[in-house]
Amino acid sequence: EPFYFMGSDAYLREITETVDIPVLRKDFTVDDYQIYQAKCMGADAVLLICALMDEKRLSHFLTICSLLGMDALVETHDEWEMERALKLDADIIGINNRNLKVFTISLERTKTLSKMVPKDKLLIAESGIVRDDDVAYLADCGVSGFLIGRAFMEHENPKALAAHWKQVYKEAAK
């Protein structure tokens, strides 16, 4: 999203050409076109936010992703959204720790909602991950991965931080 988050399609292309890991187009996906565009730009996955769409549209977007060989990170914020994501058999489920109404963050959201997620789903924690303790706490909640932005963007050596947090996660997940 270029205006509020200063994103750019050029950044996505540059990243997909630079790294050898899956790349997520993190955008407010509201139209089929955005999914096709993400695929053309090299993204491996898109973000689908339950709060932005009804069940029919979410199902439609998941179908498009499947047909294109892309993954979809289905973002949830509460029990109702989690039930919808699970009903549609989403493979990758994100729990956003940010309250979208007041923008407060609580990792307790992941702790609570993670109990609803079957073990065969990939569980991703989003927002509010800024310290070693956060990574360890979320690993203990059964999280498989993290969607981290700000902490990496503000760190002097994001690659070193990622390696460090990978180790913290491994220790906590034992």
N, C-alpha and C. Protein backbone atom coordinates (compact mmCIF):
# COMPACT_ATOMS: atom_id res chain seq x y z
N GLU A 1 0.86 -1.17 0.00
CA GLU A 1 0.00 0.00 0.00
C GLU A 1 0.90 1.23 0.00
N PRO A 2 0.84 2.01 -1.05
CA PRO A 2 1.81 3.11 -1.21
C PRO A 2 1.57 4.33 -0.31
N PHE A 3 0.34 4.67 0.01
CA PHE A 3 0.08 5.92 0.70
C PHE A 3 0.35 5.85 2.20
N TYR A 4 -0.31 4.90 2.88
CA TYR A 4 -0.19 4.81 4.33
C TYR A 4 1.06 4.05 4.78
N PHE A 5 1.45 3.04 4.01
CA PHE A 5 2.57 2.19 4.42
C PHE A 5 3.81 2.34 3.55
N MET A 6 3.74 3.24 2.58
CA MET A 6 4.86 3.57 1.71
C MET A 6 5.42 2.36 0.98
N GLY A 7 4.57 1.41 0.63
CA GLY A 7 4.98 0.25 -0.13
C GLY A 7 5.05 0.56 -1.61
N SER A 8 5.59 -0.38 -2.37
CA SER A 8 5.75 -0.18 -3.80
C SER A 8 5.83 -1.53 -4.49
N ASP A 9 5.21 -1.62 -5.67
CA ASP A 9 5.33 -2.84 -6.47
C ASP A 9 6.79 -3.10 -6.81
N ALA A 10 7.55 -2.03 -7.02
CA ALA A 10 8.97 -2.17 -7.34
C ALA A 10 9.72 -2.86 -6.20
N TYR A 11 9.34 -2.56 -4.95
CA TYR A 11 10.00 -3.21 -3.81
C TYR A 11 9.76 -4.72 -3.85
N LEU A 12 8.53 -5.12 -4.17
CA LEU A 12 8.20 -6.54 -4.22
C LEU A 12 9.03 -7.23 -5.30
N ARG A 13 9.11 -6.63 -6.46
CA ARG A 13 9.92 -7.21 -7.54
C ARG A 13 11.39 -7.32 -7.12
N GLU A 14 11.91 -6.28 -6.51
CA GLU A 14 13.31 -6.27 -6.08
C GLU A 14 13.57 -7.35 -5.04
N ILE A 15 12.66 -7.50 -4.11
CA ILE A 15 12.82 -8.51 -3.07
C ILE A 15 12.78 -9.91 -3.66
N THR A 16 11.82 -10.18 -4.54
CA THR A 16 11.71 -11.53 -5.12
C THR A 16 12.94 -11.88 -5.96
N GLU A 17 13.60 -10.88 -6.52
CA GLU A 17 14.81 -11.13 -7.30
C GLU A 17 16.05 -11.29 -6.41
N THR A 18 15.94 -10.86 -5.14
CA THR A 18 17.10 -10.83 -4.25
C THR A 18 17.16 -12.03 -3.31
N VAL A 19 16.03 -12.47 -2.81
CA VAL A 19 16.02 -13.53 -1.79
C VAL A 19 15.58 -14.87 -2.38
N ASP A 20 15.93 -15.92 -1.67
CA ASP A 20 15.54 -17.26 -2.12
C ASP A 20 14.58 -17.91 -1.13
N ILE A 21 13.78 -17.07 -0.47
CA ILE A 21 12.75 -17.55 0.45
C ILE A 21 11.40 -17.07 -0.07
N PRO A 22 10.32 -17.71 0.35
CA PRO A 22 8.99 -17.27 -0.11
C PRO A 22 8.71 -15.82 0.27
N VAL A 23 8.06 -15.12 -0.64
CA VAL A 23 7.76 -13.71 -0.44
C VAL A 23 6.24 -13.51 -0.39
N LEU A 24 5.81 -12.79 0.62
CA LEU A 24 4.39 -12.48 0.83
C LEU A 24 4.12 -11.06 0.35
N ARG A 25 3.08 -10.90 -0.46
CA ARG A 25 2.62 -9.54 -0.77
C ARG A 25 1.66 -9.16 0.35
N LYS A 26 2.14 -8.27 1.21
CA LYS A 26 1.35 -7.84 2.37
C LYS A 26 0.61 -6.58 1.98
N ASP A 27 -0.62 -6.75 1.59
CA ASP A 27 -1.44 -5.65 1.11
C ASP A 27 -2.87 -5.92 1.56
N PHE A 28 -3.71 -4.93 1.46
CA PHE A 28 -5.12 -5.11 1.74
C PHE A 28 -5.77 -5.68 0.48
N THR A 29 -5.76 -6.99 0.34
CA THR A 29 -6.29 -7.64 -0.85
C THR A 29 -7.81 -7.54 -0.84
N VAL A 30 -8.34 -6.85 -1.84
CA VAL A 30 -9.79 -6.65 -1.94
C VAL A 30 -10.32 -6.99 -3.33
N ASP A 31 -9.44 -7.39 -4.25
CA ASP A 31 -9.86 -7.64 -5.62
C ASP A 31 -9.02 -8.77 -6.23
N ASP A 32 -9.65 -9.56 -7.10
CA ASP A 32 -8.95 -10.65 -7.78
C ASP A 32 -7.66 -10.16 -8.44
N TYR A 33 -7.74 -9.01 -9.04
CA TYR A 33 -6.61 -8.44 -9.79
C TYR A 33 -5.34 -8.39 -8.94
N GLN A 34 -5.49 -8.05 -7.67
CA GLN A 34 -4.32 -7.94 -6.80
C GLN A 34 -3.60 -9.27 -6.63
N ILE A 35 -4.35 -10.36 -6.62
CA ILE A 35 -3.75 -11.68 -6.48
C ILE A 35 -2.98 -12.03 -7.76
N TYR A 36 -3.61 -11.81 -8.91
CA TYR A 36 -2.93 -12.06 -10.19
C TYR A 36 -1.69 -11.18 -10.32
N GLN A 37 -1.82 -9.93 -9.93
CA GLN A 37 -0.71 -8.99 -9.99
C GLN A 37 0.44 -9.47 -9.08
N ALA A 38 0.10 -9.92 -7.88
CA ALA A 38 1.12 -10.41 -6.96
C ALA A 38 1.87 -11.58 -7.58
N LYS A 39 1.15 -12.48 -8.21
CA LYS A 39 1.78 -13.63 -8.87
C LYS A 39 2.72 -13.16 -9.97
N CYS A 40 2.29 -12.21 -10.78
CA CYS A 40 3.12 -11.69 -11.87
C CYS A 40 4.38 -10.99 -11.36
N MET A 41 4.29 -10.42 -10.18
CA MET A 41 5.44 -9.72 -9.60
C MET A 41 6.37 -10.66 -8.85
N GLY A 42 6.00 -11.94 -8.78
CA GLY A 42 6.88 -12.92 -8.16
C GLY A 42 6.53 -13.31 -6.74
N ALA A 43 5.45 -12.79 -6.20
CA ALA A 43 5.07 -13.16 -4.83
C ALA A 43 4.66 -14.63 -4.78
N ASP A 44 4.96 -15.25 -3.66
CA ASP A 44 4.59 -16.65 -3.44
C ASP A 44 3.29 -16.77 -2.66
N ALA A 45 2.93 -15.68 -1.98
CA ALA A 45 1.75 -15.70 -1.11
C ALA A 45 1.15 -14.30 -1.02
N VAL A 46 -0.12 -14.27 -0.65
CA VAL A 46 -0.81 -13.00 -0.40
C VAL A 46 -1.45 -13.04 0.98
N LEU A 47 -1.73 -11.86 1.49
CA LEU A 47 -2.40 -11.71 2.78
C LEU A 47 -3.89 -11.54 2.53
N LEU A 48 -4.70 -12.36 3.17
CA LEU A 48 -6.16 -12.24 3.09
C LEU A 48 -6.67 -11.96 4.50
N ILE A 49 -7.20 -10.78 4.71
CA ILE A 49 -7.64 -10.34 6.03
C ILE A 49 -9.13 -10.61 6.20
N CYS A 50 -9.45 -11.52 7.10
CA CYS A 50 -10.85 -11.90 7.33
C CYS A 50 -11.75 -10.70 7.60
N ALA A 51 -11.24 -9.73 8.34
CA ALA A 51 -12.05 -8.57 8.72
C ALA A 51 -12.48 -7.74 7.51
N LEU A 52 -11.83 -7.91 6.37
CA LEU A 52 -12.14 -7.10 5.18
C LEU A 52 -13.14 -7.75 4.24
N MET A 53 -13.50 -9.01 4.47
CA MET A 53 -14.34 -9.68 3.47
C MET A 53 -15.28 -10.70 4.09
N ASP A 54 -16.33 -10.98 3.33
CA ASP A 54 -17.26 -12.00 3.77
C ASP A 54 -16.72 -13.38 3.38
N GLU A 55 -17.40 -14.41 3.83
CA GLU A 55 -16.94 -15.78 3.61
C GLU A 55 -16.88 -16.14 2.13
N LYS A 56 -17.83 -15.66 1.35
CA LYS A 56 -17.87 -15.97 -0.08
C LYS A 56 -16.63 -15.41 -0.78
N ARG A 57 -16.28 -14.17 -0.50
CA ARG A 57 -15.12 -13.55 -1.14
C ARG A 57 -13.83 -14.22 -0.67
N LEU A 58 -13.74 -14.52 0.62
CA LEU A 58 -12.55 -15.18 1.15
C LEU A 58 -12.36 -16.54 0.47
N SER A 59 -13.42 -17.29 0.33
CA SER A 59 -13.36 -18.58 -0.35
C SER A 59 -12.92 -18.41 -1.80
N HIS A 60 -13.46 -17.42 -2.47
CA HIS A 60 -13.10 -17.13 -3.86
C HIS A 60 -11.61 -16.81 -3.98
N PHE A 61 -11.10 -15.98 -3.10
CA PHE A 61 -9.68 -15.61 -3.13
C PHE A 61 -8.79 -16.83 -2.84
N LEU A 62 -9.21 -17.68 -1.91
CA LEU A 62 -8.45 -18.89 -1.62
C LEU A 62 -8.39 -19.81 -2.83
N THR A 63 -9.49 -19.88 -3.57
CA THR A 63 -9.52 -20.68 -4.79
C THR A 63 -8.56 -20.14 -5.84
N ILE A 64 -8.57 -18.83 -6.03
CA ILE A 64 -7.64 -18.21 -6.99
C ILE A 64 -6.19 -18.52 -6.60
N CYS A 65 -5.88 -18.35 -5.34
CA CYS A 65 -4.52 -18.64 -4.87
C CYS A 65 -4.14 -20.09 -5.18
N SER A 66 -5.03 -21.00 -4.90
CA SER A 66 -4.77 -22.41 -5.15
C SER A 66 -4.53 -22.66 -6.63
N LEU A 67 -5.35 -22.09 -7.49
CA LEU A 67 -5.20 -22.28 -8.93
C LEU A 67 -3.88 -21.71 -9.45
N LEU A 68 -3.40 -20.66 -8.81
CA LEU A 68 -2.15 -20.02 -9.23
C LEU A 68 -0.92 -20.64 -8.55
N GLY A 69 -1.16 -21.61 -7.67
CA GLY A 69 -0.04 -22.22 -6.95
C GLY A 69 0.56 -21.31 -5.90
N MET A 70 -0.26 -20.42 -5.36
CA MET A 70 0.19 -19.48 -4.34
C MET A 70 -0.37 -19.87 -2.98
N ASP A 71 0.31 -19.45 -1.95
CA ASP A 71 -0.20 -19.61 -0.59
C ASP A 71 -0.98 -18.37 -0.20
N ALA A 72 -1.82 -18.53 0.80
CA ALA A 72 -2.57 -17.39 1.34
C ALA A 72 -2.42 -17.42 2.86
N LEU A 73 -1.97 -16.32 3.39
CA LEU A 73 -1.94 -16.13 4.85
C LEU A 73 -3.28 -15.51 5.21
N VAL A 74 -4.14 -16.29 5.86
CA VAL A 74 -5.47 -15.82 6.23
C VAL A 74 -5.39 -15.24 7.64
N GLU A 75 -5.53 -13.93 7.72
CA GLU A 75 -5.35 -13.22 8.98
C GLU A 75 -6.66 -13.13 9.76
N THR A 76 -6.55 -13.50 11.05
CA THR A 76 -7.70 -13.44 11.96
C THR A 76 -7.38 -12.52 13.13
N HIS A 77 -8.45 -12.04 13.76
CA HIS A 77 -8.30 -11.15 14.92
C HIS A 77 -9.13 -11.59 16.12
N ASP A 78 -10.11 -12.46 15.87
CA ASP A 78 -10.98 -12.89 16.95
C ASP A 78 -11.54 -14.29 16.67
N GLU A 79 -12.33 -14.81 17.59
CA GLU A 79 -12.85 -16.17 17.48
C GLU A 79 -13.72 -16.35 16.24
N TRP A 80 -14.55 -15.37 15.95
CA TRP A 80 -15.45 -15.46 14.80
C TRP A 80 -14.65 -15.57 13.50
N GLU A 81 -13.64 -14.75 13.36
CA GLU A 81 -12.81 -14.80 12.15
C GLU A 81 -12.04 -16.12 12.09
N MET A 82 -11.56 -16.60 13.23
CA MET A 82 -10.85 -17.87 13.26
C MET A 82 -11.76 -19.01 12.81
N GLU A 83 -13.00 -19.00 13.27
CA GLU A 83 -13.95 -20.04 12.85
C GLU A 83 -14.16 -20.00 11.34
N ARG A 84 -14.24 -18.81 10.77
CA ARG A 84 -14.40 -18.68 9.31
C ARG A 84 -13.19 -19.23 8.57
N ALA A 85 -11.99 -18.89 9.03
CA ALA A 85 -10.77 -19.37 8.38
C ALA A 85 -10.68 -20.89 8.45
N LEU A 86 -11.04 -21.45 9.59
CA LEU A 86 -10.99 -22.90 9.75
C LEU A 86 -12.07 -23.59 8.92
N LYS A 87 -13.23 -22.99 8.84
CA LYS A 87 -14.32 -23.55 8.04
C LYS A 87 -13.92 -23.64 6.57
N LEU A 88 -13.16 -22.67 6.09
CA LEU A 88 -12.72 -22.65 4.70
C LEU A 88 -11.43 -23.45 4.50
N ASP A 89 -10.96 -24.09 5.56
CA ASP A 89 -9.80 -24.97 5.52
C ASP A 89 -8.53 -24.25 5.07
N ALA A 90 -8.34 -23.03 5.55
CA ALA A 90 -7.12 -22.29 5.25
C ALA A 90 -5.93 -23.05 5.81
N ASP A 91 -4.86 -23.16 5.03
CA ASP A 91 -3.67 -23.89 5.46
C ASP A 91 -2.75 -23.07 6.34
N ILE A 92 -2.70 -21.75 6.07
CA ILE A 92 -1.83 -20.86 6.83
C ILE A 92 -2.71 -19.81 7.50
N ILE A 93 -2.70 -19.82 8.81
CA ILE A 93 -3.57 -18.92 9.57
C ILE A 93 -2.71 -17.96 10.38
N GLY A 94 -2.97 -16.68 10.20
CA GLY A 94 -2.29 -15.66 10.96
C GLY A 94 -3.19 -15.13 12.07
N ILE A 95 -2.59 -14.84 13.18
CA ILE A 95 -3.32 -14.19 14.27
C ILE A 95 -2.65 -12.83 14.47
N ASN A 96 -3.41 -11.79 14.19
CA ASN A 96 -2.89 -10.44 14.34
C ASN A 96 -3.13 -10.00 15.78
N ASN A 97 -2.07 -9.69 16.47
CA ASN A 97 -2.15 -9.28 17.88
C ASN A 97 -2.58 -7.84 18.06
N ARG A 98 -2.80 -7.16 16.96
CA ARG A 98 -3.21 -5.75 17.01
C ARG A 98 -4.73 -5.66 16.96
N ASN A 99 -5.30 -4.94 17.90
CA ASN A 99 -6.73 -4.65 17.89
C ASN A 99 -6.95 -3.58 16.82
N LEU A 100 -7.67 -3.92 15.77
CA LEU A 100 -7.83 -3.01 14.64
C LEU A 100 -8.72 -1.80 14.93
N LYS A 101 -9.43 -1.84 16.04
CA LYS A 101 -10.29 -0.70 16.38
C LYS A 101 -9.52 0.38 17.14
N VAL A 102 -8.64 -0.03 18.04
CA VAL A 102 -7.92 0.94 18.87
C VAL A 102 -6.40 0.84 18.71
N PHE A 103 -5.94 -0.13 17.93
CA PHE A 103 -4.53 -0.34 17.60
C PHE A 103 -3.62 -0.69 18.78
N THR A 104 -4.21 -1.19 19.86
CA THR A 104 -3.39 -1.72 20.94
C THR A 104 -2.93 -3.12 20.55
N ILE A 105 -1.86 -3.57 21.18
CA ILE A 105 -1.30 -4.89 20.87
C ILE A 105 -1.27 -5.73 22.13
N SER A 106 -1.68 -7.00 21.98
CA SER A 106 -1.60 -7.95 23.09
C SER A 106 -1.28 -9.33 22.53
N LEU A 107 -0.18 -9.90 22.97
CA LEU A 107 0.19 -11.24 22.53
C LEU A 107 -0.75 -12.30 23.11
N GLU A 108 -1.55 -11.90 24.08
CA GLU A 108 -2.56 -12.82 24.64
C GLU A 108 -3.56 -13.25 23.56
N ARG A 109 -3.75 -12.40 22.57
CA ARG A 109 -4.67 -12.75 21.47
C ARG A 109 -4.20 -14.04 20.80
N THR A 110 -2.90 -14.15 20.54
CA THR A 110 -2.38 -15.38 19.94
C THR A 110 -2.53 -16.55 20.90
N LYS A 111 -2.24 -16.34 22.16
CA LYS A 111 -2.37 -17.43 23.13
C LYS A 111 -3.80 -17.97 23.14
N THR A 112 -4.77 -17.08 23.15
CA THR A 112 -6.18 -17.49 23.19
C THR A 112 -6.61 -18.18 21.90
N LEU A 113 -6.36 -17.54 20.77
CA LEU A 113 -6.84 -18.06 19.49
C LEU A 113 -6.07 -19.29 19.02
N SER A 114 -4.81 -19.43 19.43
CA SER A 114 -4.01 -20.57 18.97
C SER A 114 -4.61 -21.89 19.42
N LYS A 115 -5.36 -21.87 20.49
CA LYS A 115 -5.99 -23.10 21.00
C LYS A 115 -7.04 -23.65 20.04
N MET A 116 -7.52 -22.80 19.13
CA MET A 116 -8.53 -23.22 18.17
C MET A 116 -7.92 -23.86 16.91
N VAL A 117 -6.64 -23.69 16.71
CA VAL A 117 -5.99 -24.07 15.45
C VAL A 117 -5.49 -25.51 15.51
N PRO A 118 -5.96 -26.36 14.58
CA PRO A 118 -5.47 -27.74 14.54
C PRO A 118 -3.96 -27.77 14.26
N LYS A 119 -3.31 -28.82 14.71
CA LYS A 119 -1.86 -28.96 14.58
C LYS A 119 -1.39 -29.06 13.12
N ASP A 120 -2.29 -29.45 12.20
CA ASP A 120 -1.88 -29.59 10.81
C ASP A 120 -1.89 -28.26 10.04
N LYS A 121 -2.24 -27.18 10.71
CA LYS A 121 -2.23 -25.85 10.10
C LYS A 121 -0.95 -25.11 10.48
N LEU A 122 -0.50 -24.27 9.59
CA LEU A 122 0.65 -23.43 9.88
C LEU A 122 0.13 -22.17 10.56
N LEU A 123 0.60 -21.91 11.77
CA LEU A 123 0.13 -20.79 12.57
C LEU A 123 1.19 -19.69 12.59
N ILE A 124 0.79 -18.49 12.22
CA ILE A 124 1.70 -17.35 12.14
C ILE A 124 1.22 -16.27 13.11
N ALA A 125 2.14 -15.75 13.91
CA ALA A 125 1.83 -14.62 14.80
C ALA A 125 2.20 -13.33 14.09
N GLU A 126 1.34 -12.35 14.21
CA GLU A 126 1.55 -11.06 13.54
C GLU A 126 1.43 -9.92 14.55
N SER A 127 2.28 -8.95 14.40
CA SER A 127 2.24 -7.69 15.16
C SER A 127 2.71 -7.84 16.60
N GLY A 128 3.47 -6.85 17.03
CA GLY A 128 3.88 -6.76 18.43
C GLY A 128 5.07 -7.61 18.81
N ILE A 129 5.78 -8.14 17.84
CA ILE A 129 6.92 -9.00 18.14
C ILE A 129 8.17 -8.12 18.06
N VAL A 130 8.71 -7.77 19.25
CA VAL A 130 9.82 -6.83 19.29
C VAL A 130 10.97 -7.27 20.22
N ARG A 131 10.74 -8.33 21.01
CA ARG A 131 11.77 -8.75 21.98
C ARG A 131 11.94 -10.27 21.94
N ASP A 132 13.05 -10.73 22.48
CA ASP A 132 13.29 -12.17 22.60
C ASP A 132 12.15 -12.85 23.35
N ASP A 133 11.68 -12.21 24.42
CA ASP A 133 10.60 -12.78 25.22
C ASP A 133 9.33 -12.98 24.39
N ASP A 134 9.06 -12.07 23.45
CA ASP A 134 7.88 -12.20 22.59
C ASP A 134 7.99 -13.46 21.72
N VAL A 135 9.16 -13.66 21.14
CA VAL A 135 9.38 -14.83 20.29
C VAL A 135 9.22 -16.11 21.11
N ALA A 136 9.84 -16.15 22.28
CA ALA A 136 9.75 -17.33 23.13
C ALA A 136 8.32 -17.60 23.58
N TYR A 137 7.62 -16.55 23.99
CA TYR A 137 6.24 -16.68 24.44
C TYR A 137 5.36 -17.25 23.32
N LEU A 138 5.51 -16.72 22.12
CA LEU A 138 4.68 -17.16 21.00
C LEU A 138 5.05 -18.56 20.54
N ALA A 139 6.32 -18.91 20.62
CA ALA A 139 6.73 -20.29 20.31
C ALA A 139 6.03 -21.25 21.26
N ASP A 140 5.94 -20.86 22.53
CA ASP A 140 5.27 -21.68 23.53
C ASP A 140 3.77 -21.82 23.24
N CYS A 141 3.22 -20.88 22.50
CA CYS A 141 1.79 -20.92 22.11
C CYS A 141 1.56 -21.81 20.89
N GLY A 142 2.62 -22.37 20.32
CA GLY A 142 2.47 -23.25 19.17
C GLY A 142 2.60 -22.56 17.82
N VAL A 143 3.09 -21.33 17.84
CA VAL A 143 3.27 -20.58 16.60
C VAL A 143 4.38 -21.22 15.76
N SER A 144 4.16 -21.31 14.46
CA SER A 144 5.15 -21.89 13.54
C SER A 144 6.03 -20.84 12.91
N GLY A 145 5.54 -19.61 12.85
CA GLY A 145 6.30 -18.54 12.21
C GLY A 145 5.76 -17.19 12.61
N PHE A 146 6.43 -16.16 12.12
CA PHE A 146 6.11 -14.79 12.52
C PHE A 146 6.05 -13.88 11.31
N LEU A 147 5.18 -12.91 11.37
CA LEU A 147 5.16 -11.82 10.39
C LEU A 147 5.64 -10.59 11.14
N ILE A 148 6.88 -10.24 10.87
CA ILE A 148 7.54 -9.16 11.61
C ILE A 148 7.95 -8.08 10.63
N GLY A 149 7.62 -6.86 10.95
CA GLY A 149 7.99 -5.75 10.09
C GLY A 149 8.83 -4.73 10.82
N ARG A 150 8.19 -4.01 11.71
CA ARG A 150 8.82 -2.86 12.37
C ARG A 150 10.15 -3.20 13.04
N ALA A 151 10.20 -4.28 13.78
CA ALA A 151 11.41 -4.63 14.52
C ALA A 151 12.60 -4.82 13.57
N PHE A 152 12.35 -5.44 12.42
CA PHE A 152 13.43 -5.62 11.45
C PHE A 152 13.80 -4.32 10.76
N MET A 153 12.78 -3.53 10.44
CA MET A 153 13.04 -2.27 9.74
C MET A 153 13.84 -1.30 10.61
N GLU A 154 13.64 -1.36 11.91
CA GLU A 154 14.31 -0.43 12.82
C GLU A 154 15.66 -0.95 13.33
N HIS A 155 15.94 -2.22 13.12
CA HIS A 155 17.18 -2.80 13.65
C HIS A 155 18.36 -2.49 12.73
N GLU A 156 19.52 -2.27 13.33
CA GLU A 156 20.72 -1.94 12.55
C GLU A 156 21.20 -3.11 11.70
N ASN A 157 20.86 -4.35 12.11
CA ASN A 157 21.27 -5.54 11.36
C ASN A 157 20.13 -6.55 11.37
N PRO A 158 19.14 -6.37 10.49
CA PRO A 158 17.97 -7.26 10.49
C PRO A 158 18.33 -8.73 10.29
N LYS A 159 19.33 -9.00 9.48
CA LYS A 159 19.72 -10.40 9.24
C LYS A 159 20.22 -11.05 10.53
N ALA A 160 21.01 -10.32 11.30
CA ALA A 160 21.51 -10.85 12.57
C ALA A 160 20.36 -11.04 13.56
N LEU A 161 19.44 -10.10 13.59
CA LEU A 161 18.28 -10.22 14.48
C LEU A 161 17.45 -11.45 14.11
N ALA A 162 17.24 -11.67 12.82
CA ALA A 162 16.47 -12.83 12.37
C ALA A 162 17.16 -14.12 12.79
N ALA A 163 18.47 -14.19 12.63
CA ALA A 163 19.22 -15.38 13.04
C ALA A 163 19.12 -15.59 14.55
N HIS A 164 19.23 -14.50 15.29
CA HIS A 164 19.13 -14.60 16.75
C HIS A 164 17.74 -15.09 17.16
N TRP A 165 16.69 -14.51 16.58
CA TRP A 165 15.34 -14.91 16.95
C TRP A 165 15.04 -16.34 16.51
N LYS A 166 15.66 -16.77 15.44
CA LYS A 166 15.50 -18.17 15.02
C LYS A 166 16.02 -19.09 16.12
N GLN A 167 17.15 -18.75 16.72
CA GLN A 167 17.71 -19.52 17.80
C GLN A 167 16.83 -19.46 19.05
N VAL A 168 16.34 -18.27 19.36
CA VAL A 168 15.43 -18.11 20.51
C VAL A 168 14.21 -19.00 20.31
N TYR A 169 13.66 -19.00 19.10
CA TYR A 169 12.48 -19.82 18.79
C TYR A 169 12.80 -21.30 18.99
N LYS A 170 13.93 -21.74 18.44
CA LYS A 170 14.30 -23.16 18.55
C LYS A 170 14.39 -23.60 20.01
N GLU A 171 15.00 -22.76 20.83
CA GLU A 171 15.15 -23.08 22.26
C GLU A 171 13.79 -23.13 22.96
N ALA A 172 12.93 -22.18 22.64
CA ALA A 172 11.62 -22.10 23.30
C ALA A 172 10.67 -23.20 22.83
N ALA A 173 10.81 -23.63 21.59
CA ALA A 173 9.88 -24.61 21.02
C ALA A 173 10.22 -26.04 21.42
N LYS A 174 11.33 -26.24 22.11
CA LYS A 174 11.74 -27.61 22.52
C LYS A 174 10.74 -28.25 23.43
